Amino acid sequence: MSTAVSGPDAAAGAAVSARVRAFYDEIPFNYEATDDAAETEVRGNPLRAYPDLDGLLGAGGIRSVLDVGCGTGWLANAAALHYASIRRVVGVDLCARALVRARRVAERVRIDHRVHFLQADLFAFTPPEPLDLVTSVGVLHHTADCAAALRRLAGFLDPGGWLFVGLYHTYGRRPFLHLFHQLLADEGEEAAFARYRALNPGRGDETLLRSWFRDQVLHPHETQHTLEEVWTWLDGVGFTLRSTSINRFRPFANPRELFALEPEYEALSFRRNRTENRFFPGFFTLLAQRRG
């Protein structure tokens, strides 16, 4: 297993990490008001929202998982709880407060002997053993160098290993950010939050909704990316794209046929957020496998 992948400039990377850690120490992302609510989410298996990941885990070949930027542990704990083949899950995050919640939920659903949570920076962390699957959902676009972060995760996997990543989408994100940045500038944070609440009528308690709003509207550092861009990074380090939300997880003959679909997400995002008043933050996922 090779991990010899350079990270961002040390000073720049440390500065971004410090801002991101301080931001999430106030309210971590996806932070329920109570442990009971967080436990309910995990027991409901949120991974079913990603049919390709759910299918991979359900097939029974995955025994070890690393979740980078695990936050409150929703993915790591759900993987350990709902998929019988998994023997060990490690969750890594910058935010100590989020990890406290992750560990408490693991204890409540009695999987704490198989799930381990560590506070660490991605660029300073190396897993102690080979892995079958590395996941990172909504995290790498908050690092100082998304490409370097992705290549580092790729280096944690041996041939045949799987990588599942979720990132902000260049086209789908643009109308969302324009809407909320305009509201922030013209009317202030509470007006922007009120609009966000209107887009998310079923999101849950006020604490959870505020954690999502801060993460998606007020975050101090984010970048946006296309599938074409990310596929170029992964192809360059020996990965094959297996599935993506860009074409709603359907089979495809060649990744290049997917790239023509990407600009359509700008109009879709505008229609959802502006016309239909439906939440559409501009986000995509991909599942890739290391060749060999």
C-alpha atoms as a PDB file:
ATOM      1  CA  MET A   1       0.000   0.000   0.000  1.00  0.00           C
ATOM      2  CA  SER A   2       1.576   3.272  -1.131  1.00  0.00           C
ATOM      3  CA  THR A   3       0.910   6.602   0.588  1.00  0.00           C
ATOM      4  CA  ALA A   4       3.729   8.657  -0.904  1.00  0.00           C
ATOM      5  CA  VAL A   5       1.533  11.531  -2.080  1.00  0.00           C
ATOM      6  CA  SER A   6       2.477  15.121  -1.349  1.00  0.00           C
ATOM      7  CA  GLY A   7       0.016  17.440   0.342  1.00  0.00           C
ATOM      8  CA  PRO A   8      -0.515  21.209   0.077  1.00  0.00           C
ATOM      9  CA  ASP A   9       2.041  23.787   1.128  1.00  0.00           C
ATOM     10  CA  ALA A  10       2.515  23.221   4.859  1.00  0.00           C
ATOM     11  CA  ALA A  11       1.706  26.774   5.963  1.00  0.00           C
ATOM     12  CA  ALA A  12      -1.327  27.067   3.706  1.00  0.00           C
ATOM     13  CA  GLY A  13      -2.595  23.643   4.705  1.00  0.00           C
ATOM     14  CA  ALA A  14      -2.191  24.379   8.414  1.00  0.00           C
ATOM     15  CA  ALA A  15      -4.041  27.682   8.088  1.00  0.00           C
ATOM     16  CA  VAL A  16      -6.997  26.090   6.298  1.00  0.00           C
ATOM     17  CA  SER A  17      -7.118  23.197   8.760  1.00  0.00           C
ATOM     18  CA  ALA A  18      -7.139  25.615  11.705  1.00  0.00           C
ATOM     19  CA  ARG A  19     -10.049  27.623  10.257  1.00  0.00           C
ATOM     20  CA  VAL A  20     -12.033  24.506   9.440  1.00  0.00           C
ATOM     21  CA  ARG A  21     -11.420  22.937  12.858  1.00  0.00           C
ATOM     22  CA  ALA A  22     -12.498  26.119  14.662  1.00  0.00           C
ATOM     23  CA  PHE A  23     -15.611  26.372  12.481  1.00  0.00           C
ATOM     24  CA  TYR A  24     -16.756  22.822  13.239  1.00  0.00           C
ATOM     25  CA  ASP A  25     -15.880  23.062  16.917  1.00  0.00           C
ATOM     26  CA  GLU A  26     -18.752  25.571  17.188  1.00  0.00           C
ATOM     27  CA  ILE A  27     -21.307  23.230  15.587  1.00  0.00           C
ATOM     28  CA  PRO A  28     -20.221  20.104  13.705  1.00  0.00           C
ATOM     29  CA  PHE A  29     -21.986  19.257  10.471  1.00  0.00           C
ATOM     30  CA  ASN A  30     -25.078  17.025  10.706  1.00  0.00           C
ATOM     31  CA  TYR A  31     -25.229  17.613  14.447  1.00  0.00           C
ATOM     32  CA  GLU A  32     -28.485  16.439  16.009  1.00  0.00           C
ATOM     33  CA  ALA A  33     -29.768  18.086  19.187  1.00  0.00           C
ATOM     34  CA  THR A  34     -29.582  14.815  21.141  1.00  0.00           C
ATOM     35  CA  ASP A  35     -27.814  11.461  21.114  1.00  0.00           C
ATOM     36  CA  ASP A  36     -31.239   9.845  20.713  1.00  0.00           C
ATOM     37  CA  ALA A  37     -31.804  11.633  17.396  1.00  0.00           C
ATOM     38  CA  ALA A  38     -28.308  10.782  16.153  1.00  0.00           C
ATOM     39  CA  GLU A  39     -28.870   7.132  17.084  1.00  0.00           C
ATOM     40  CA  THR A  40     -32.175   7.115  15.217  1.00  0.00           C
ATOM     41  CA  GLU A  41     -30.456   8.393  12.077  1.00  0.00           C
ATOM     42  CA  VAL A  42     -27.811   5.655  12.217  1.00  0.00           C
ATOM     43  CA  ARG A  43     -30.372   2.925  12.881  1.00  0.00           C
ATOM     44  CA  GLY A  44     -32.305   4.101   9.824  1.00  0.00           C
ATOM     45  CA  ASN A  45     -29.221   3.467   7.648  1.00  0.00           C
ATOM     46  CA  PRO A  46     -28.481   6.759   5.846  1.00  0.00           C
ATOM     47  CA  LEU A  47     -26.210   4.864   3.415  1.00  0.00           C
ATOM     48  CA  ARG A  48     -29.266   3.700   1.509  1.00  0.00           C
ATOM     49  CA  ALA A  49     -29.294   7.182  -0.028  1.00  0.00           C
ATOM     50  CA  TYR A  50     -26.270   6.053  -2.071  1.00  0.00           C
ATOM     51  CA  PRO A  51     -27.366   2.933  -3.993  1.00  0.00           C
ATOM     52  CA  ASP A  52     -23.899   2.173  -5.366  1.00  0.00           C
ATOM     53  CA  LEU A  53     -22.252   2.308  -1.933  1.00  0.00           C
ATOM     54  CA  ASP A  54     -25.128   0.404  -0.349  1.00  0.00           C
ATOM     55  CA  GLY A  55     -24.840  -2.257  -3.038  1.00  0.00           C
ATOM     56  CA  LEU A  56     -21.078  -2.589  -2.604  1.00  0.00           C
ATOM     57  CA  LEU A  57     -21.368  -2.973   1.167  1.00  0.00           C
ATOM     58  CA  GLY A  58     -24.322  -5.312   0.877  1.00  0.00           C
ATOM     59  CA  ALA A  59     -22.450  -7.621  -1.502  1.00  0.00           C
ATOM     60  CA  GLY A  60     -20.339  -8.844   1.411  1.00  0.00           C
ATOM     61  CA  GLY A  61     -16.798  -8.318   0.140  1.00  0.00           C
ATOM     62  CA  ILE A  62     -15.891  -5.270   2.242  1.00  0.00           C
ATOM     63  CA  ARG A  63     -14.310  -6.012   5.616  1.00  0.00           C
ATOM     64  CA  SER A  64     -12.408  -2.811   6.468  1.00  0.00           C
ATOM     65  CA  VAL A  65     -13.493   0.810   5.991  1.00  0.00           C
ATOM     66  CA  LEU A  66     -11.801   4.159   6.587  1.00  0.00           C
ATOM     67  CA  ASP A  67     -14.093   7.207   6.680  1.00  0.00           C
ATOM     68  CA  VAL A  68     -12.101  10.441   6.299  1.00  0.00           C
ATOM     69  CA  GLY A  69     -13.811  13.498   7.708  1.00  0.00           C
ATOM     70  CA  CYS A  70     -16.239  11.246   9.574  1.00  0.00           C
ATOM     71  CA  GLY A  71     -17.749  14.071  11.631  1.00  0.00           C
ATOM     72  CA  THR A  72     -20.461  12.771  13.953  1.00  0.00           C
ATOM     73  CA  GLY A  73     -19.930   9.246  12.641  1.00  0.00           C
ATOM     74  CA  TRP A  74     -23.146   8.799  10.663  1.00  0.00           C
ATOM     75  CA  LEU A  75     -21.420   6.919   7.825  1.00  0.00           C
ATOM     76  CA  ALA A  76     -18.904   4.976   9.904  1.00  0.00           C
ATOM     77  CA  ASN A  77     -21.465   3.842  12.463  1.00  0.00           C
ATOM     78  CA  ALA A  78     -24.074   2.967   9.840  1.00  0.00           C
ATOM     79  CA  ALA A  79     -21.537   0.885   7.898  1.00  0.00           C
ATOM     80  CA  ALA A  80     -20.579  -1.105  10.987  1.00  0.00           C
ATOM     81  CA  LEU A  81     -24.173  -1.553  12.139  1.00  0.00           C
ATOM     82  CA  HIS A  82     -25.914  -2.555   8.920  1.00  0.00           C
ATOM     83  CA  TYR A  83     -23.410  -4.620   6.877  1.00  0.00           C
ATOM     84  CA  ALA A  84     -22.469  -7.985   8.265  1.00  0.00           C
ATOM     85  CA  SER A  85     -19.186  -8.450   6.388  1.00  0.00           C
ATOM     86  CA  ILE A  86     -17.540  -5.369   7.916  1.00  0.00           C
ATOM     87  CA  ARG A  87     -15.152  -6.192  10.728  1.00  0.00           C
ATOM     88  CA  ARG A  88     -13.393  -2.867  11.313  1.00  0.00           C
ATOM     89  CA  VAL A  89     -14.235   0.786  10.641  1.00  0.00           C
ATOM     90  CA  VAL A  90     -11.963   3.735  11.397  1.00  0.00           C
ATOM     91  CA  GLY A  91     -13.303   7.285  11.379  1.00  0.00           C
ATOM     92  CA  VAL A  92     -10.923  10.260  11.221  1.00  0.00           C
ATOM     93  CA  ASP A  93     -11.863  13.900  11.751  1.00  0.00           C
ATOM     94  CA  LEU A  94     -10.414  17.248  12.829  1.00  0.00           C
ATOM     95  CA  CYS A  95     -13.243  18.088  15.230  1.00  0.00           C
ATOM     96  CA  ALA A  96     -13.115  16.692  18.763  1.00  0.00           C
ATOM     97  CA  ARG A  97     -16.725  17.652  19.506  1.00  0.00           C
ATOM     98  CA  ALA A  98     -18.020  15.669  16.533  1.00  0.00           C
ATOM     99  CA  LEU A  99     -15.982  12.634  17.558  1.00  0.00           C
ATOM    100  CA  VAL A 100     -17.479  12.668  21.061  1.00  0.00           C
ATOM    101  CA  ARG A 101     -20.926  12.280  19.481  1.00  0.00           C
ATOM    102  CA  ALA A 102     -19.658   9.585  17.099  1.00  0.00           C
ATOM    103  CA  ARG A 103     -18.261   7.494  19.948  1.00  0.00           C
ATOM    104  CA  ARG A 104     -21.400   7.862  22.068  1.00  0.00           C
ATOM    105  CA  VAL A 105     -23.628   6.666  19.231  1.00  0.00           C
ATOM    106  CA  ALA A 106     -21.316   3.712  18.559  1.00  0.00           C
ATOM    107  CA  GLU A 107     -21.649   2.707  22.221  1.00  0.00           C
ATOM    108  CA  ARG A 108     -25.428   3.092  22.149  1.00  0.00           C
ATOM    109  CA  VAL A 109     -25.841   0.785  19.148  1.00  0.00           C
ATOM    110  CA  ARG A 110     -23.193  -1.599  20.566  1.00  0.00           C
ATOM    111  CA  ILE A 111     -20.668  -1.491  17.763  1.00  0.00           C
ATOM    112  CA  ASP A 112     -17.890   0.355  19.590  1.00  0.00           C
ATOM    113  CA  HIS A 113     -15.736  -2.776  19.504  1.00  0.00           C
ATOM    114  CA  ARG A 114     -15.647  -2.531  15.689  1.00  0.00           C
ATOM    115  CA  VAL A 115     -15.616   1.240  15.138  1.00  0.00           C
ATOM    116  CA  HIS A 116     -12.718   3.454  16.195  1.00  0.00           C
ATOM    117  CA  PHE A 117     -12.639   7.242  15.945  1.00  0.00           C
ATOM    118  CA  LEU A 118      -9.435   9.287  15.791  1.00  0.00           C
ATOM    119  CA  GLN A 119      -8.753  13.020  15.750  1.00  0.00           C
ATOM    120  CA  ALA A 120      -6.262  13.715  12.971  1.00  0.00           C
ATOM    121  CA  ASP A 121      -5.537  15.793   9.887  1.00  0.00           C
ATOM    122  CA  LEU A 122      -5.797  13.849   6.640  1.00  0.00           C
ATOM    123  CA  PHE A 123      -2.357  14.971   5.515  1.00  0.00           C
ATOM    124  CA  ALA A 124      -0.756  13.752   8.749  1.00  0.00           C
ATOM    125  CA  PHE A 125      -2.623  10.453   8.961  1.00  0.00           C
ATOM    126  CA  THR A 126      -1.710   7.034   7.575  1.00  0.00           C
ATOM    127  CA  PRO A 127      -3.893   3.979   8.242  1.00  0.00           C
ATOM    128  CA  PRO A 128      -2.155   1.174  10.141  1.00  0.00           C
ATOM    129  CA  GLU A 129      -3.290  -1.584   7.768  1.00  0.00           C
ATOM    130  CA  PRO A 130      -4.578  -2.143   4.212  1.00  0.00           C
ATOM    131  CA  LEU A 131      -8.202  -1.226   3.585  1.00  0.00           C
ATOM    132  CA  ASP A 132     -10.987  -2.483   1.366  1.00  0.00           C
ATOM    133  CA  LEU A 133     -12.845   0.829   1.171  1.00  0.00           C
ATOM    134  CA  VAL A 134     -12.068   4.497   1.826  1.00  0.00           C
ATOM    135  CA  THR A 135     -14.961   6.970   2.030  1.00  0.00           C
ATOM    136  CA  SER A 136     -15.052  10.753   2.293  1.00  0.00           C
ATOM    137  CA  VAL A 137     -18.370  12.550   1.856  1.00  0.00           C
ATOM    138  CA  GLY A 138     -18.482  16.342   1.755  1.00  0.00           C
ATOM    139  CA  VAL A 139     -14.971  16.794   3.116  1.00  0.00           C
ATOM    140  CA  LEU A 140     -12.175  17.090   0.563  1.00  0.00           C
ATOM    141  CA  HIS A 141     -13.512  20.364  -0.884  1.00  0.00           C
ATOM    142  CA  HIS A 142     -12.819  21.870   2.559  1.00  0.00           C
ATOM    143  CA  THR A 143      -9.087  21.048   2.427  1.00  0.00           C
ATOM    144  CA  ALA A 144      -6.330  23.326   1.148  1.00  0.00           C
ATOM    145  CA  ASP A 145      -5.802  21.092  -1.896  1.00  0.00           C
ATOM    146  CA  CYS A 146      -8.649  18.848  -2.977  1.00  0.00           C
ATOM    147  CA  ALA A 147      -6.611  17.068  -5.663  1.00  0.00           C
ATOM    148  CA  ALA A 148      -3.787  16.263  -3.244  1.00  0.00           C
ATOM    149  CA  ALA A 149      -6.296  15.116  -0.622  1.00  0.00           C
ATOM    150  CA  LEU A 150      -7.979  12.772  -3.094  1.00  0.00           C
ATOM    151  CA  ARG A 151      -4.676  11.331  -4.244  1.00  0.00           C
ATOM    152  CA  ARG A 152      -3.695  10.738  -0.643  1.00  0.00           C
ATOM    153  CA  LEU A 153      -6.862   8.744  -0.024  1.00  0.00           C
ATOM    154  CA  ALA A 154      -6.215   6.811  -3.217  1.00  0.00           C
ATOM    155  CA  GLY A 155      -2.780   5.911  -1.883  1.00  0.00           C
ATOM    156  CA  PHE A 156      -4.360   4.174   1.117  1.00  0.00           C
ATOM    157  CA  LEU A 157      -5.795   1.482  -1.159  1.00  0.00           C
ATOM    158  CA  ASP A 158      -4.199  -1.583  -2.709  1.00  0.00           C
ATOM    159  CA  PRO A 159      -5.245  -2.868  -6.172  1.00  0.00           C
ATOM    160  CA  GLY A 160      -8.899  -3.840  -6.089  1.00  0.00           C
ATOM    161  CA  GLY A 161      -9.680  -1.393  -3.283  1.00  0.00           C
ATOM    162  CA  TRP A 162     -12.664   0.958  -3.459  1.00  0.00           C
ATOM    163  CA  LEU A 163     -12.992   4.722  -3.041  1.00  0.00           C
ATOM    164  CA  PHE A 164     -16.298   6.556  -2.428  1.00  0.00           C
ATOM    165  CA  VAL A 165     -16.201  10.368  -2.494  1.00  0.00           C
ATOM    166  CA  GLY A 166     -18.757  13.188  -2.357  1.00  0.00           C
ATOM    167  CA  LEU A 167     -17.874  16.721  -3.485  1.00  0.00           C
ATOM    168  CA  TYR A 168     -19.485  20.046  -4.305  1.00  0.00           C
ATOM    169  CA  HIS A 169     -20.257  20.264  -8.016  1.00  0.00           C
ATOM    170  CA  THR A 170     -19.054  23.258 -10.027  1.00  0.00           C
ATOM    171  CA  TYR A 171     -22.269  23.644 -12.031  1.00  0.00           C
ATOM    172  CA  GLY A 172     -24.833  22.495  -9.490  1.00  0.00           C
ATOM    173  CA  ARG A 173     -23.339  24.573  -6.698  1.00  0.00           C
ATOM    174  CA  ARG A 174     -23.251  27.913  -8.514  1.00  0.00           C
ATOM    175  CA  PRO A 175     -26.962  28.906  -8.321  1.00  0.00           C
ATOM    176  CA  PHE A 176     -27.175  27.807  -4.671  1.00  0.00           C
ATOM    177  CA  LEU A 177     -24.193  29.915  -3.652  1.00  0.00           C
ATOM    178  CA  HIS A 178     -25.386  32.902  -5.657  1.00  0.00           C
ATOM    179  CA  LEU A 179     -28.791  32.775  -3.968  1.00  0.00           C
ATOM    180  CA  PHE A 180     -27.445  32.603  -0.437  1.00  0.00           C
ATOM    181  CA  HIS A 181     -24.507  34.946  -0.852  1.00  0.00           C
ATOM    182  CA  GLN A 182     -26.956  37.521  -2.231  1.00  0.00           C
ATOM    183  CA  LEU A 183     -29.260  37.026   0.746  1.00  0.00           C
ATOM    184  CA  LEU A 184     -26.367  37.338   3.187  1.00  0.00           C
ATOM    185  CA  ALA A 185     -25.194  40.559   1.574  1.00  0.00           C
ATOM    186  CA  ASP A 186     -28.638  42.152   1.240  1.00  0.00           C
ATOM    187  CA  GLU A 187     -30.581  40.940   4.276  1.00  0.00           C
ATOM    188  CA  GLY A 188     -28.169  39.221   6.664  1.00  0.00           C
ATOM    189  CA  GLU A 189     -27.617  35.779   8.139  1.00  0.00           C
ATOM    190  CA  GLU A 190     -31.033  35.253   9.736  1.00  0.00           C
ATOM    191  CA  ALA A 191     -32.848  36.028   6.477  1.00  0.00           C
ATOM    192  CA  ALA A 192     -30.589  33.541   4.705  1.00  0.00           C
ATOM    193  CA  PHE A 193     -31.309  30.980   7.393  1.00  0.00           C
ATOM    194  CA  ALA A 194     -35.043  31.531   7.032  1.00  0.00           C
ATOM    195  CA  ARG A 195     -34.778  30.815   3.299  1.00  0.00           C
ATOM    196  CA  TYR A 196     -32.687  27.746   4.016  1.00  0.00           C
ATOM    197  CA  ARG A 197     -35.346  26.524   6.460  1.00  0.00           C
ATOM    198  CA  ALA A 198     -38.001  26.996   3.789  1.00  0.00           C
ATOM    199  CA  LEU A 199     -35.976  24.813   1.410  1.00  0.00           C
ATOM    200  CA  ASN A 200     -35.630  22.134   4.115  1.00  0.00           C
ATOM    201  CA  PRO A 201     -39.016  21.746   5.815  1.00  0.00           C
ATOM    202  CA  GLY A 202     -38.283  18.182   6.958  1.00  0.00           C
ATOM    203  CA  ARG A 203     -34.656  18.525   7.981  1.00  0.00           C
ATOM    204  CA  GLY A 204     -35.290  17.969  11.681  1.00  0.00           C
ATOM    205  CA  ASP A 205     -34.604  19.929  14.844  1.00  0.00           C
ATOM    206  CA  GLU A 206     -33.270  23.477  14.869  1.00  0.00           C
ATOM    207  CA  THR A 207     -29.780  22.374  15.933  1.00  0.00           C
ATOM    208  CA  LEU A 208     -29.501  19.975  13.000  1.00  0.00           C
ATOM    209  CA  LEU A 209     -30.840  22.534  10.538  1.00  0.00           C
ATOM    210  CA  ARG A 210     -28.436  25.187  11.794  1.00  0.00           C
ATOM    211  CA  SER A 211     -25.503  22.767  11.449  1.00  0.00           C
ATOM    212  CA  TRP A 212     -26.415  22.117   7.812  1.00  0.00           C
ATOM    213  CA  PHE A 213     -26.914  25.825   7.089  1.00  0.00           C
ATOM    214  CA  ARG A 214     -23.553  26.785   8.543  1.00  0.00           C
ATOM    215  CA  ASP A 215     -21.796  23.997   6.664  1.00  0.00           C
ATOM    216  CA  GLN A 216     -23.356  24.791   3.292  1.00  0.00           C
ATOM    217  CA  VAL A 217     -23.706  28.569   3.458  1.00  0.00           C
ATOM    218  CA  LEU A 218     -21.230  30.007   5.968  1.00  0.00           C
ATOM    219  CA  HIS A 219     -18.227  27.706   5.617  1.00  0.00           C
ATOM    220  CA  PRO A 220     -14.876  29.585   5.679  1.00  0.00           C
ATOM    221  CA  HIS A 221     -13.276  27.465   2.934  1.00  0.00           C
ATOM    222  CA  GLU A 222     -14.676  25.447   0.061  1.00  0.00           C
ATOM    223  CA  THR A 223     -13.933  24.605  -3.555  1.00  0.00           C
ATOM    224  CA  GLN A 224     -16.148  23.142  -6.270  1.00  0.00           C
ATOM    225  CA  HIS A 225     -15.304  20.469  -8.825  1.00  0.00           C
ATOM    226  CA  THR A 226     -16.583  18.553 -11.836  1.00  0.00           C
ATOM    227  CA  LEU A 227     -16.681  14.825 -12.343  1.00  0.00           C
ATOM    228  CA  GLU A 228     -14.435  15.298 -15.374  1.00  0.00           C
ATOM    229  CA  GLU A 229     -11.814  17.045 -13.240  1.00  0.00           C
ATOM    230  CA  VAL A 230     -11.936  14.438 -10.478  1.00  0.00           C
ATOM    231  CA  TRP A 231     -11.924  11.543 -12.923  1.00  0.00           C
ATOM    232  CA  THR A 232      -8.705  12.952 -14.416  1.00  0.00           C
ATOM    233  CA  TRP A 233      -7.086  12.891 -10.985  1.00  0.00           C
ATOM    234  CA  LEU A 234      -8.224   9.333 -10.274  1.00  0.00           C
ATOM    235  CA  ASP A 235      -7.404   7.942 -13.699  1.00  0.00           C
ATOM    236  CA  GLY A 236      -3.905   9.326 -13.263  1.00  0.00           C
ATOM    237  CA  VAL A 237      -3.343   7.241 -10.131  1.00  0.00           C
ATOM    238  CA  GLY A 238      -4.795   4.042 -11.518  1.00  0.00           C
ATOM    239  CA  PHE A 239      -8.517   4.098 -10.704  1.00  0.00           C
ATOM    240  CA  THR A 240     -11.560   3.136 -12.760  1.00  0.00           C
ATOM    241  CA  LEU A 241     -14.842   4.993 -12.323  1.00  0.00           C
ATOM    242  CA  ARG A 242     -17.616   2.538 -11.457  1.00  0.00           C
ATOM    243  CA  SER A 243     -20.610   4.704 -10.592  1.00  0.00           C
ATOM    244  CA  THR A 244     -21.694   8.310 -10.056  1.00  0.00           C
ATOM    245  CA  SER A 245     -24.736  10.333  -9.066  1.00  0.00           C
ATOM    246  CA  ILE A 246     -24.192  12.522 -12.154  1.00  0.00           C
ATOM    247  CA  ASN A 247     -26.184   9.986 -14.227  1.00  0.00           C
ATOM    248  CA  ARG A 248     -28.193   8.800 -11.206  1.00  0.00           C
ATOM    249  CA  PHE A 249     -26.003   5.727 -10.711  1.00  0.00           C
ATOM    250  CA  ARG A 250     -26.915   4.175 -14.053  1.00  0.00           C
ATOM    251  CA  PRO A 251     -24.433   2.044 -16.071  1.00  0.00           C
ATOM    252  CA  PHE A 252     -22.289   3.814 -18.659  1.00  0.00           C
ATOM    253  CA  ALA A 253     -19.951   2.712 -21.440  1.00  0.00           C
ATOM    254  CA  ASN A 254     -17.295   5.430 -21.092  1.00  0.00           C
ATOM    255  CA  PRO A 255     -16.778   8.102 -18.414  1.00  0.00           C
ATOM    256  CA  ARG A 256     -16.579  10.756 -21.107  1.00  0.00           C
ATOM    257  CA  GLU A 257     -20.266  10.358 -21.892  1.00  0.00           C
ATOM    258  CA  LEU A 258     -21.010  11.565 -18.367  1.00  0.00           C
ATOM    259  CA  PHE A 259     -19.175  14.857 -18.721  1.00  0.00           C
ATOM    260  CA  ALA A 260     -21.673  16.222 -21.236  1.00  0.00           C
ATOM    261  CA  LEU A 261     -24.365  15.902 -18.566  1.00  0.00           C
ATOM    262  CA  GLU A 262     -22.599  18.122 -16.043  1.00  0.00           C
ATOM    263  CA  PRO A 263     -23.497  21.618 -17.344  1.00  0.00           C
ATOM    264  CA  GLU A 264     -27.191  20.661 -17.173  1.00  0.00           C
ATOM    265  CA  TYR A 265     -26.954  20.737 -13.382  1.00  0.00           C
ATOM    266  CA  GLU A 266     -26.683  24.526 -13.342  1.00  0.00           C
ATOM    267  CA  ALA A 267     -30.160  24.973 -14.806  1.00  0.00           C
ATOM    268  CA  LEU A 268     -31.513  22.203 -12.576  1.00  0.00           C
ATOM    269  CA  SER A 269     -30.088  23.849  -9.470  1.00  0.00           C
ATOM    270  CA  PHE A 270     -31.530  27.225 -10.439  1.00  0.00           C
ATOM    271  CA  ARG A 271     -34.973  25.702 -11.034  1.00  0.00           C
ATOM    272  CA  ARG A 272     -35.000  23.751  -7.783  1.00  0.00           C
ATOM    273  CA  ASN A 273     -33.703  26.514  -5.508  1.00  0.00           C
ATOM    274  CA  ARG A 274     -35.326  29.535  -7.147  1.00  0.00           C
ATOM    275  CA  THR A 275     -38.535  28.336  -8.832  1.00  0.00           C
ATOM    276  CA  GLU A 276     -39.612  25.153  -7.068  1.00  0.00           C
ATOM    277  CA  ASN A 277     -38.284  26.144  -3.617  1.00  0.00           C
ATOM    278  CA  ARG A 278     -36.662  22.711  -3.248  1.00  0.00           C
ATOM    279  CA  PHE A 279     -33.301  22.097  -1.617  1.00  0.00           C
ATOM    280  CA  PHE A 280     -30.502  21.480  -4.125  1.00  0.00           C
ATOM    281  CA  PRO A 281     -27.037  22.359  -2.761  1.00  0.00           C
ATOM    282  CA  GLY A 282     -25.043  21.115  -5.778  1.00  0.00           C
ATOM    283  CA  PHE A 283     -23.292  17.918  -4.728  1.00  0.00           C
ATOM    284  CA  PHE A 284     -22.203  14.727  -6.467  1.00  0.00           C
ATOM    285  CA  THR A 285     -20.741  11.367  -5.516  1.00  0.00           C
ATOM    286  CA  LEU A 286     -18.579   8.822  -7.273  1.00  0.00           C
ATOM    287  CA  LEU A 287     -17.472   5.256  -6.633  1.00  0.00           C
ATOM    288  CA  ALA A 288     -14.106   4.172  -8.098  1.00  0.00           C
ATOM    289  CA  GLN A 289     -11.904   1.083  -7.874  1.00  0.00           C
ATOM    290  CA  ARG A 290      -8.143   0.798  -8.005  1.00  0.00           C
ATOM    291  CA  ARG A 291      -6.985  -1.113 -11.053  1.00  0.00           C
ATOM    292  CA  GLY A 292      -4.671  -4.083 -10.910  1.00  0.00           C
END
